[in-house]
Amino acid sequence: MNIRITIIALGLLAFTSCHHRESKENSVVELTQAQQKLLEAGWTTITPNEDLTEEYGMKPVYGMQDNYFDIKMGKGCNVAVKIMDLRTDKCIRYVYVAENTTTTVQEIPQGVYYLKLAYGYDWMEKETDDGKQGKFTRNVLYERSQDTFDFGIKNSSDEINYRLDINVVDSRLENNFHAIPIDEKEFMK
């Protein structure tokens, strides 16, 4: 008799823990006041494509060689990365990398670049006259790399590649490059 009661109790415990986990996974995240205001102003919630360059009004620039950035996003947030030409301050590529994924940005032209990074969750976007505008709306942080990334001199035949490792550990960013904080306005330029 005690064995039956134990089996029934374990079965109920397993059922309730699975049900609790399932309801937690399927729960809807409530919008913040800031997100609600953005929705009222015409913004929409979306999970963006990996390549944001053209749809966000920036003309992508490609090189003849297969120079590339490997961007590995660990856990703790998503990231949007703008690859900026150091000489002209123009964005040549703009990519979104989801948490726990890796992407490769290929055919980086020869030149020297720095990065603008936006970290966070809950991407929202809005159509504008110049294309789309997008941003994170929860746990947002913006940075600019202090490191520059030199993809070689003109007429060089050497391929050059960089790996960017981005992680959030104990609410701190741990990257394999140096960066300084910037504000949203600076990131959007």
N, C-alpha and C. Protein backbone atom coordinates (compact mmCIF):
# COMPACT_ATOMS: atom_id res chain seq x y z
N MET A 1 0.82 -1.19 0.00
CA MET A 1 0.00 0.00 0.00
C MET A 1 0.87 1.26 0.00
N ASN A 2 1.94 1.28 0.81
CA ASN A 2 2.83 2.43 0.86
C ASN A 2 3.54 2.66 -0.48
N ILE A 3 3.82 1.55 -1.19
CA ILE A 3 4.47 1.68 -2.49
C ILE A 3 3.53 2.38 -3.48
N ARG A 4 2.25 2.02 -3.47
CA ARG A 4 1.28 2.66 -4.36
C ARG A 4 1.18 4.15 -4.06
N ILE A 5 1.12 4.51 -2.81
CA ILE A 5 1.02 5.93 -2.43
C ILE A 5 2.27 6.67 -2.88
N THR A 6 3.42 6.06 -2.72
CA THR A 6 4.68 6.68 -3.14
C THR A 6 4.70 6.87 -4.65
N ILE A 7 4.29 5.86 -5.42
CA ILE A 7 4.26 5.95 -6.88
C ILE A 7 3.29 7.04 -7.33
N ILE A 8 2.11 7.08 -6.72
CA ILE A 8 1.12 8.11 -7.07
C ILE A 8 1.67 9.50 -6.74
N ALA A 9 2.28 9.64 -5.57
CA ALA A 9 2.83 10.94 -5.17
C ALA A 9 3.93 11.38 -6.13
N LEU A 10 4.82 10.46 -6.52
CA LEU A 10 5.88 10.81 -7.47
C LEU A 10 5.30 11.18 -8.83
N GLY A 11 4.28 10.44 -9.27
CA GLY A 11 3.63 10.76 -10.54
C GLY A 11 3.01 12.14 -10.52
N LEU A 12 2.30 12.49 -9.44
CA LEU A 12 1.71 13.82 -9.32
C LEU A 12 2.78 14.91 -9.28
N LEU A 13 3.85 14.64 -8.57
CA LEU A 13 4.95 15.61 -8.48
C LEU A 13 5.57 15.84 -9.86
N ALA A 14 5.80 14.76 -10.60
CA ALA A 14 6.37 14.90 -11.95
C ALA A 14 5.42 15.66 -12.86
N PHE A 15 4.12 15.35 -12.79
CA PHE A 15 3.14 16.04 -13.64
C PHE A 15 3.08 17.53 -13.33
N THR A 16 3.04 17.87 -12.04
CA THR A 16 2.94 19.29 -11.69
C THR A 16 4.21 20.05 -12.04
N SER A 17 5.38 19.42 -11.90
CA SER A 17 6.61 20.14 -12.25
C SER A 17 6.70 20.35 -13.76
N CYS A 18 6.29 19.37 -14.56
CA CYS A 18 6.29 19.55 -16.02
C CYS A 18 5.27 20.60 -16.42
N HIS A 19 4.10 20.56 -15.79
CA HIS A 19 3.06 21.54 -16.12
C HIS A 19 3.53 22.94 -15.75
N HIS A 20 4.19 23.07 -14.58
CA HIS A 20 4.71 24.38 -14.16
C HIS A 20 5.75 24.88 -15.14
N ARG A 21 6.66 24.00 -15.58
CA ARG A 21 7.69 24.39 -16.53
C ARG A 21 7.06 24.80 -17.85
N GLU A 22 6.08 24.02 -18.33
CA GLU A 22 5.44 24.34 -19.61
C GLU A 22 4.70 25.66 -19.53
N SER A 23 3.99 25.92 -18.45
CA SER A 23 3.26 27.18 -18.37
C SER A 23 4.21 28.36 -18.25
N LYS A 24 5.36 28.15 -17.59
CA LYS A 24 6.35 29.21 -17.50
C LYS A 24 6.96 29.52 -18.87
N GLU A 25 7.26 28.46 -19.67
CA GLU A 25 7.84 28.65 -20.99
C GLU A 25 6.86 29.32 -21.94
N ASN A 26 5.58 29.05 -21.80
CA ASN A 26 4.57 29.59 -22.71
C ASN A 26 3.98 30.90 -22.21
N SER A 27 4.48 31.42 -21.10
CA SER A 27 3.91 32.65 -20.56
C SER A 27 4.29 33.84 -21.44
N VAL A 28 3.40 34.80 -21.50
CA VAL A 28 3.60 35.99 -22.31
C VAL A 28 4.28 37.04 -21.45
N VAL A 29 5.34 37.64 -21.98
CA VAL A 29 6.06 38.68 -21.26
C VAL A 29 5.26 39.97 -21.38
N GLU A 30 5.01 40.60 -20.26
CA GLU A 30 4.25 41.85 -20.28
C GLU A 30 5.12 42.97 -20.82
N LEU A 31 4.48 43.86 -21.57
CA LEU A 31 5.19 45.00 -22.13
C LEU A 31 5.46 46.04 -21.06
N THR A 32 6.62 46.67 -21.15
CA THR A 32 6.93 47.78 -20.25
C THR A 32 6.19 49.02 -20.74
N GLN A 33 6.18 50.05 -19.93
CA GLN A 33 5.54 51.31 -20.35
C GLN A 33 6.24 51.89 -21.58
N ALA A 34 7.56 51.81 -21.59
CA ALA A 34 8.31 52.33 -22.74
C ALA A 34 7.96 51.55 -24.01
N GLN A 35 7.84 50.22 -23.92
CA GLN A 35 7.48 49.42 -25.08
C GLN A 35 6.05 49.74 -25.53
N GLN A 36 5.15 49.93 -24.59
CA GLN A 36 3.77 50.28 -24.93
C GLN A 36 3.71 51.62 -25.66
N LYS A 37 4.50 52.59 -25.21
CA LYS A 37 4.55 53.89 -25.89
C LYS A 37 5.09 53.75 -27.31
N LEU A 38 6.12 52.90 -27.49
CA LEU A 38 6.65 52.68 -28.83
C LEU A 38 5.61 52.03 -29.75
N LEU A 39 4.86 51.06 -29.21
CA LEU A 39 3.79 50.43 -30.01
C LEU A 39 2.75 51.46 -30.44
N GLU A 40 2.40 52.34 -29.53
CA GLU A 40 1.41 53.38 -29.84
C GLU A 40 1.96 54.37 -30.87
N ALA A 41 3.30 54.50 -30.95
CA ALA A 41 3.93 55.42 -31.90
C ALA A 41 4.24 54.74 -33.24
N GLY A 42 3.75 53.51 -33.44
CA GLY A 42 3.94 52.84 -34.72
C GLY A 42 5.05 51.82 -34.78
N TRP A 43 5.73 51.56 -33.70
CA TRP A 43 6.77 50.54 -33.65
C TRP A 43 6.12 49.17 -33.56
N THR A 44 6.82 48.13 -34.04
CA THR A 44 6.34 46.76 -33.95
C THR A 44 7.40 45.89 -33.31
N THR A 45 6.96 44.83 -32.65
CA THR A 45 7.90 43.85 -32.10
C THR A 45 8.20 42.82 -33.18
N ILE A 46 9.45 42.42 -33.26
CA ILE A 46 9.88 41.52 -34.32
C ILE A 46 11.19 40.86 -33.91
N THR A 47 11.45 39.69 -34.47
CA THR A 47 12.78 39.09 -34.38
C THR A 47 13.42 39.36 -35.74
N PRO A 48 14.44 40.21 -35.77
CA PRO A 48 15.00 40.63 -37.06
C PRO A 48 15.80 39.52 -37.76
N ASN A 49 16.01 39.73 -39.05
CA ASN A 49 16.91 38.88 -39.81
C ASN A 49 18.33 39.13 -39.34
N GLU A 50 19.22 38.24 -39.71
CA GLU A 50 20.62 38.40 -39.34
C GLU A 50 21.25 39.64 -39.97
N ASP A 51 20.98 39.87 -41.26
CA ASP A 51 21.57 41.02 -41.97
C ASP A 51 20.58 42.17 -41.95
N LEU A 52 20.95 43.26 -41.30
CA LEU A 52 20.08 44.43 -41.18
C LEU A 52 20.45 45.54 -42.15
N THR A 53 21.55 45.41 -42.85
CA THR A 53 22.15 46.52 -43.59
C THR A 53 21.18 47.23 -44.54
N GLU A 54 20.70 46.54 -45.56
CA GLU A 54 19.90 47.21 -46.58
C GLU A 54 18.53 47.63 -46.08
N GLU A 55 17.84 46.76 -45.33
CA GLU A 55 16.50 47.12 -44.87
C GLU A 55 16.52 48.27 -43.87
N TYR A 56 17.68 48.56 -43.31
CA TYR A 56 17.80 49.67 -42.37
C TYR A 56 18.42 50.90 -43.02
N GLY A 57 18.37 50.95 -44.35
CA GLY A 57 18.76 52.14 -45.08
C GLY A 57 20.25 52.34 -45.27
N MET A 58 21.06 51.30 -45.09
CA MET A 58 22.50 51.40 -45.27
C MET A 58 22.91 50.57 -46.46
N LYS A 59 23.76 51.13 -47.27
CA LYS A 59 24.24 50.39 -48.44
C LYS A 59 25.40 49.50 -48.02
N PRO A 60 25.25 48.17 -48.18
CA PRO A 60 26.35 47.29 -47.79
C PRO A 60 27.54 47.44 -48.73
N VAL A 61 28.73 47.32 -48.18
CA VAL A 61 29.95 47.40 -48.96
C VAL A 61 30.66 46.05 -48.84
N TYR A 62 31.03 45.49 -49.99
CA TYR A 62 31.68 44.18 -50.02
C TYR A 62 33.07 44.31 -50.61
N GLY A 63 33.97 43.42 -50.18
CA GLY A 63 35.33 43.40 -50.70
C GLY A 63 35.51 42.26 -51.68
N MET A 64 36.62 42.27 -52.36
CA MET A 64 36.93 41.23 -53.34
C MET A 64 37.42 39.94 -52.67
N GLN A 65 38.00 40.06 -51.50
CA GLN A 65 38.51 38.90 -50.78
C GLN A 65 37.48 38.46 -49.76
N ASP A 66 37.69 37.28 -49.21
CA ASP A 66 36.76 36.81 -48.20
C ASP A 66 37.27 37.10 -46.79
N ASN A 67 37.65 38.36 -46.55
CA ASN A 67 37.95 38.79 -45.18
C ASN A 67 36.64 38.69 -44.40
N TYR A 68 36.72 38.30 -43.14
CA TYR A 68 35.45 38.18 -42.41
C TYR A 68 35.60 38.37 -40.91
N PHE A 69 34.46 38.68 -40.29
CA PHE A 69 34.29 38.69 -38.84
C PHE A 69 33.47 37.45 -38.48
N ASP A 70 33.93 36.66 -37.54
CA ASP A 70 33.11 35.63 -36.89
C ASP A 70 32.63 36.25 -35.59
N ILE A 71 31.34 36.34 -35.41
CA ILE A 71 30.79 36.93 -34.20
C ILE A 71 30.07 35.84 -33.42
N LYS A 72 30.60 35.53 -32.25
CA LYS A 72 30.01 34.50 -31.40
C LYS A 72 29.36 35.18 -30.20
N MET A 73 28.03 35.11 -30.15
CA MET A 73 27.27 35.71 -29.04
C MET A 73 26.98 34.61 -28.03
N GLY A 74 27.43 34.80 -26.83
CA GLY A 74 27.17 33.84 -25.76
C GLY A 74 25.80 34.07 -25.18
N LYS A 75 25.67 33.76 -23.91
CA LYS A 75 24.37 33.98 -23.29
C LYS A 75 24.35 35.30 -22.56
N GLY A 76 23.16 35.78 -22.31
CA GLY A 76 23.00 37.00 -21.53
C GLY A 76 22.32 38.13 -22.28
N CYS A 77 22.32 38.08 -23.62
CA CYS A 77 21.63 39.11 -24.41
C CYS A 77 21.79 38.81 -25.90
N ASN A 78 21.14 39.61 -26.71
CA ASN A 78 21.32 39.61 -28.17
C ASN A 78 22.19 40.82 -28.48
N VAL A 79 22.72 40.88 -29.69
CA VAL A 79 23.56 42.02 -30.06
C VAL A 79 23.28 42.44 -31.50
N ALA A 80 23.30 43.74 -31.73
CA ALA A 80 23.27 44.30 -33.08
C ALA A 80 24.62 45.00 -33.27
N VAL A 81 25.32 44.65 -34.34
CA VAL A 81 26.68 45.15 -34.57
C VAL A 81 26.74 45.95 -35.86
N LYS A 82 27.24 47.17 -35.76
CA LYS A 82 27.52 47.98 -36.94
C LYS A 82 29.03 47.97 -37.16
N ILE A 83 29.44 47.60 -38.36
CA ILE A 83 30.86 47.63 -38.73
C ILE A 83 31.09 48.97 -39.41
N MET A 84 31.90 49.82 -38.78
CA MET A 84 32.08 51.21 -39.21
C MET A 84 33.47 51.42 -39.81
N ASP A 85 33.51 52.07 -40.97
CA ASP A 85 34.77 52.42 -41.61
C ASP A 85 35.42 53.53 -40.79
N LEU A 86 36.62 53.31 -40.30
CA LEU A 86 37.32 54.29 -39.45
C LEU A 86 37.59 55.59 -40.21
N ARG A 87 37.88 55.50 -41.49
CA ARG A 87 38.23 56.68 -42.29
C ARG A 87 37.01 57.56 -42.56
N THR A 88 35.86 56.95 -42.86
CA THR A 88 34.69 57.72 -43.28
C THR A 88 33.58 57.80 -42.24
N ASP A 89 33.66 57.00 -41.19
CA ASP A 89 32.60 56.88 -40.17
C ASP A 89 31.28 56.38 -40.77
N LYS A 90 31.33 55.67 -41.87
CA LYS A 90 30.14 55.10 -42.51
C LYS A 90 30.01 53.62 -42.14
N CYS A 91 28.77 53.20 -41.94
CA CYS A 91 28.49 51.79 -41.64
C CYS A 91 28.55 50.99 -42.93
N ILE A 92 29.38 49.93 -42.95
CA ILE A 92 29.46 49.09 -44.15
C ILE A 92 28.61 47.83 -44.01
N ARG A 93 28.33 47.41 -42.77
CA ARG A 93 27.48 46.25 -42.52
C ARG A 93 26.83 46.41 -41.16
N TYR A 94 25.64 45.84 -41.03
CA TYR A 94 24.85 45.92 -39.80
C TYR A 94 24.20 44.56 -39.61
N VAL A 95 24.55 43.86 -38.53
CA VAL A 95 24.04 42.50 -38.32
C VAL A 95 23.45 42.34 -36.93
N TYR A 96 22.51 41.43 -36.84
CA TYR A 96 21.87 41.05 -35.58
C TYR A 96 22.32 39.64 -35.26
N VAL A 97 22.79 39.43 -34.04
CA VAL A 97 23.22 38.10 -33.62
C VAL A 97 22.46 37.75 -32.34
N ALA A 98 21.65 36.71 -32.43
CA ALA A 98 20.85 36.29 -31.28
C ALA A 98 21.71 35.60 -30.23
N GLU A 99 21.22 35.61 -29.03
CA GLU A 99 21.87 34.94 -27.90
C GLU A 99 22.18 33.49 -28.25
N ASN A 100 23.37 33.03 -27.87
CA ASN A 100 23.83 31.65 -28.08
C ASN A 100 23.92 31.25 -29.55
N THR A 101 24.24 32.19 -30.42
CA THR A 101 24.44 31.86 -31.83
C THR A 101 25.74 32.49 -32.33
N THR A 102 26.14 32.08 -33.51
CA THR A 102 27.34 32.60 -34.16
C THR A 102 26.98 32.98 -35.59
N THR A 103 27.53 34.07 -36.07
CA THR A 103 27.34 34.45 -37.46
C THR A 103 28.69 34.87 -38.04
N THR A 104 28.79 34.78 -39.35
CA THR A 104 30.00 35.21 -40.05
C THR A 104 29.62 36.32 -41.02
N VAL A 105 30.29 37.45 -40.90
CA VAL A 105 30.09 38.57 -41.83
C VAL A 105 31.25 38.49 -42.82
N GLN A 106 30.93 38.12 -44.06
CA GLN A 106 31.96 37.84 -45.06
C GLN A 106 32.19 39.02 -45.99
N GLU A 107 33.28 38.92 -46.74
CA GLU A 107 33.65 39.88 -47.77
C GLU A 107 33.79 41.31 -47.24
N ILE A 108 34.47 41.43 -46.11
CA ILE A 108 34.76 42.75 -45.56
C ILE A 108 35.83 43.38 -46.45
N PRO A 109 35.59 44.60 -46.96
CA PRO A 109 36.60 45.24 -47.81
C PRO A 109 37.88 45.55 -47.04
N GLN A 110 38.97 45.68 -47.77
CA GLN A 110 40.21 46.09 -47.13
C GLN A 110 40.00 47.46 -46.51
N GLY A 111 40.57 47.66 -45.34
CA GLY A 111 40.42 48.92 -44.62
C GLY A 111 40.48 48.67 -43.13
N VAL A 112 40.28 49.73 -42.37
CA VAL A 112 40.33 49.66 -40.92
C VAL A 112 38.93 50.01 -40.40
N TYR A 113 38.45 49.22 -39.45
CA TYR A 113 37.07 49.35 -38.97
C TYR A 113 37.03 49.38 -37.45
N TYR A 114 35.96 49.99 -36.94
CA TYR A 114 35.61 49.88 -35.52
C TYR A 114 34.16 49.42 -35.47
N LEU A 115 33.70 49.08 -34.28
CA LEU A 115 32.36 48.53 -34.13
C LEU A 115 31.50 49.42 -33.24
N LYS A 116 30.22 49.49 -33.56
CA LYS A 116 29.21 50.01 -32.66
C LYS A 116 28.32 48.83 -32.31
N LEU A 117 28.08 48.66 -31.01
CA LEU A 117 27.32 47.50 -30.57
C LEU A 117 26.14 47.93 -29.71
N ALA A 118 25.00 47.29 -29.93
CA ALA A 118 23.82 47.48 -29.09
C ALA A 118 23.47 46.11 -28.52
N TYR A 119 23.34 46.03 -27.22
CA TYR A 119 23.01 44.78 -26.55
C TYR A 119 21.62 44.90 -25.94
N GLY A 120 20.90 43.78 -25.86
CA GLY A 120 19.62 43.81 -25.17
C GLY A 120 18.69 42.71 -25.61
N TYR A 121 17.42 42.93 -25.29
CA TYR A 121 16.33 42.02 -25.64
C TYR A 121 15.17 42.83 -26.19
N ASP A 122 14.20 42.13 -26.75
CA ASP A 122 12.94 42.71 -27.23
C ASP A 122 13.18 43.78 -28.30
N TRP A 123 13.61 43.34 -29.48
CA TRP A 123 13.86 44.22 -30.61
C TRP A 123 12.53 44.76 -31.13
N MET A 124 12.51 46.04 -31.39
CA MET A 124 11.34 46.67 -32.00
C MET A 124 11.83 47.51 -33.17
N GLU A 125 10.95 47.68 -34.18
CA GLU A 125 11.35 48.47 -35.33
C GLU A 125 10.18 49.29 -35.84
N LYS A 126 10.55 50.31 -36.63
CA LYS A 126 9.56 51.23 -37.19
C LYS A 126 10.01 51.60 -38.60
N GLU A 127 9.05 51.67 -39.52
CA GLU A 127 9.33 52.12 -40.88
C GLU A 127 9.52 53.63 -40.86
N THR A 128 10.56 54.10 -41.56
CA THR A 128 10.80 55.54 -41.71
C THR A 128 10.99 55.83 -43.19
N ASP A 129 11.14 57.09 -43.53
CA ASP A 129 11.39 57.46 -44.93
C ASP A 129 12.72 56.90 -45.44
N ASP A 130 13.68 56.70 -44.53
CA ASP A 130 15.01 56.21 -44.91
C ASP A 130 15.16 54.70 -44.77
N GLY A 131 14.09 53.98 -44.52
CA GLY A 131 14.15 52.54 -44.26
C GLY A 131 13.65 52.27 -42.87
N LYS A 132 14.05 51.16 -42.32
CA LYS A 132 13.62 50.80 -40.98
C LYS A 132 14.58 51.36 -39.93
N GLN A 133 14.04 51.57 -38.76
CA GLN A 133 14.84 51.92 -37.60
C GLN A 133 14.53 50.85 -36.56
N GLY A 134 15.53 50.32 -35.91
CA GLY A 134 15.31 49.27 -34.93
C GLY A 134 16.14 49.47 -33.70
N LYS A 135 15.64 48.89 -32.58
CA LYS A 135 16.40 48.98 -31.33
C LYS A 135 15.88 47.97 -30.33
N PHE A 136 16.73 47.66 -29.36
CA PHE A 136 16.33 46.83 -28.23
C PHE A 136 15.56 47.70 -27.26
N THR A 137 14.63 47.06 -26.55
CA THR A 137 13.80 47.84 -25.62
C THR A 137 13.85 47.31 -24.19
N ARG A 138 14.69 46.31 -23.93
CA ARG A 138 14.84 45.80 -22.57
C ARG A 138 16.31 45.44 -22.34
N ASN A 139 16.82 45.83 -21.18
CA ASN A 139 18.22 45.57 -20.79
C ASN A 139 19.20 46.08 -21.85
N VAL A 140 19.05 47.32 -22.22
CA VAL A 140 19.80 47.89 -23.35
C VAL A 140 21.12 48.50 -22.88
N LEU A 141 22.15 48.27 -23.69
CA LEU A 141 23.47 48.85 -23.47
C LEU A 141 24.09 49.10 -24.84
N TYR A 142 24.77 50.24 -24.99
CA TYR A 142 25.44 50.59 -26.24
C TYR A 142 26.92 50.76 -25.97
N GLU A 143 27.75 50.30 -26.93
CA GLU A 143 29.20 50.45 -26.83
C GLU A 143 29.81 50.74 -28.20
N ARG A 144 31.03 51.26 -28.12
CA ARG A 144 31.87 51.46 -29.31
C ARG A 144 33.20 50.81 -29.01
N SER A 145 33.69 50.02 -29.96
CA SER A 145 34.97 49.35 -29.71
C SER A 145 36.10 50.38 -29.71
N GLN A 146 37.01 50.21 -28.77
CA GLN A 146 38.23 51.01 -28.78
C GLN A 146 39.24 50.37 -29.70
N ASP A 147 39.17 49.06 -29.82
CA ASP A 147 40.03 48.34 -30.74
C ASP A 147 39.58 48.63 -32.17
N THR A 148 40.54 48.68 -33.07
CA THR A 148 40.22 48.76 -34.49
C THR A 148 40.62 47.43 -35.13
N PHE A 149 40.03 47.15 -36.27
CA PHE A 149 40.23 45.88 -36.95
C PHE A 149 40.73 46.18 -38.36
N ASP A 150 42.01 45.85 -38.59
CA ASP A 150 42.69 46.18 -39.84
C ASP A 150 42.58 45.01 -40.80
N PHE A 151 41.86 45.21 -41.89
CA PHE A 151 41.67 44.17 -42.89
C PHE A 151 42.62 44.33 -44.08
N GLY A 152 43.79 44.83 -43.82
CA GLY A 152 44.84 44.82 -44.84
C GLY A 152 44.90 46.07 -45.69
N ILE A 153 45.97 46.14 -46.46
CA ILE A 153 46.20 47.28 -47.32
C ILE A 153 45.72 46.97 -48.73
N LYS A 154 45.47 48.00 -49.49
CA LYS A 154 45.00 47.85 -50.86
C LYS A 154 45.97 47.00 -51.67
N ASN A 155 45.42 46.15 -52.49
CA ASN A 155 46.16 45.24 -53.38
C ASN A 155 46.86 44.09 -52.66
N SER A 156 46.57 43.89 -51.38
CA SER A 156 47.12 42.74 -50.67
C SER A 156 46.29 41.51 -51.02
N SER A 157 46.92 40.36 -51.10
CA SER A 157 46.18 39.14 -51.40
C SER A 157 45.94 38.29 -50.15
N ASP A 158 46.38 38.78 -48.99
CA ASP A 158 46.20 38.03 -47.75
C ASP A 158 44.78 38.21 -47.23
N GLU A 159 44.15 37.08 -46.84
CA GLU A 159 42.84 37.16 -46.20
C GLU A 159 43.06 37.42 -44.72
N ILE A 160 42.20 38.26 -44.15
CA ILE A 160 42.32 38.61 -42.74
C ILE A 160 40.98 38.37 -42.07
N ASN A 161 41.01 37.75 -40.89
CA ASN A 161 39.79 37.39 -40.21
C ASN A 161 39.91 37.71 -38.72
N TYR A 162 38.80 38.08 -38.13
CA TYR A 162 38.74 38.35 -36.70
C TYR A 162 37.59 37.58 -36.10
N ARG A 163 37.78 37.11 -34.89
CA ARG A 163 36.71 36.44 -34.15
C ARG A 163 36.35 37.33 -32.97
N LEU A 164 35.08 37.67 -32.88
CA LEU A 164 34.57 38.46 -31.77
C LEU A 164 33.79 37.53 -30.84
N ASP A 165 34.21 37.45 -29.59
CA ASP A 165 33.51 36.65 -28.58
C ASP A 165 32.84 37.61 -27.62
N ILE A 166 31.52 37.49 -27.50
CA ILE A 166 30.74 38.39 -26.65
C ILE A 166 29.96 37.54 -25.66
N ASN A 167 30.08 37.85 -24.38
CA ASN A 167 29.37 37.14 -23.33
C ASN A 167 28.94 38.11 -22.25
N VAL A 168 27.89 37.74 -21.55
CA VAL A 168 27.49 38.47 -20.36
C VAL A 168 27.63 37.49 -19.20
N VAL A 169 28.47 37.84 -18.24
CA VAL A 169 28.72 37.01 -17.08
C VAL A 169 28.47 37.84 -15.83
N ASP A 170 27.56 37.38 -14.99
CA ASP A 170 27.21 38.12 -13.76
C ASP A 170 26.88 39.57 -14.08
N SER A 171 26.07 39.80 -15.09
CA SER A 171 25.61 41.13 -15.52
C SER A 171 26.73 42.02 -16.03
N ARG A 172 27.89 41.44 -16.38
CA ARG A 172 29.00 42.21 -16.96
C ARG A 172 29.32 41.66 -18.33
N LEU A 173 29.60 42.55 -19.26
CA LEU A 173 30.04 42.11 -20.58
C LEU A 173 31.48 41.63 -20.51
N GLU A 174 31.74 40.50 -21.11
CA GLU A 174 33.10 39.97 -21.21
C GLU A 174 33.36 39.69 -22.68
N ASN A 175 34.08 40.60 -23.32
CA ASN A 175 34.38 40.50 -24.75
C ASN A 175 35.87 40.30 -24.95
N ASN A 176 36.25 39.84 -26.13
CA ASN A 176 37.67 39.70 -26.42
C ASN A 176 38.21 40.93 -27.15
N PHE A 177 37.56 42.06 -26.95
CA PHE A 177 38.00 43.35 -27.49
C PHE A 177 37.60 44.41 -26.48
N HIS A 178 38.25 45.58 -26.57
CA HIS A 178 37.97 46.67 -25.63
C HIS A 178 36.89 47.59 -26.21
N ALA A 179 36.00 48.06 -25.33
CA ALA A 179 34.93 48.94 -25.78
C ALA A 179 34.59 49.95 -24.69
N ILE A 180 34.01 51.06 -25.11
CA ILE A 180 33.58 52.10 -24.18
C ILE A 180 32.08 52.33 -24.36
N PRO A 181 31.40 52.73 -23.29
CA PRO A 181 29.96 52.98 -23.41
C PRO A 181 29.66 54.20 -24.29
N ILE A 182 28.58 54.11 -25.05
CA ILE A 182 28.05 55.24 -25.81
C ILE A 182 26.55 55.29 -25.56
N ASP A 183 25.88 56.33 -26.03
CA ASP A 183 24.44 56.41 -25.86
C ASP A 183 23.72 55.97 -27.14
N GLU A 184 22.40 55.87 -27.06
CA GLU A 184 21.60 55.42 -28.20
C GLU A 184 21.77 56.35 -29.41
N LYS A 185 21.82 57.64 -29.14
CA LYS A 185 21.97 58.62 -30.23
C LYS A 185 23.25 58.37 -31.02
N GLU A 186 24.36 58.13 -30.32
CA GLU A 186 25.64 57.86 -30.98
C GLU A 186 25.57 56.56 -31.77
N PHE A 187 24.92 55.53 -31.22
CA PHE A 187 24.79 54.27 -31.93
C PHE A 187 24.01 54.43 -33.22
N MET A 188 22.95 55.23 -33.18
CA MET A 188 22.06 55.39 -34.34
C MET A 188 22.67 56.20 -35.47
N LYS A 189 23.75 56.97 -35.21
CA LYS A 189 24.37 57.79 -36.27
C LYS A 189 24.90 56.92 -37.38
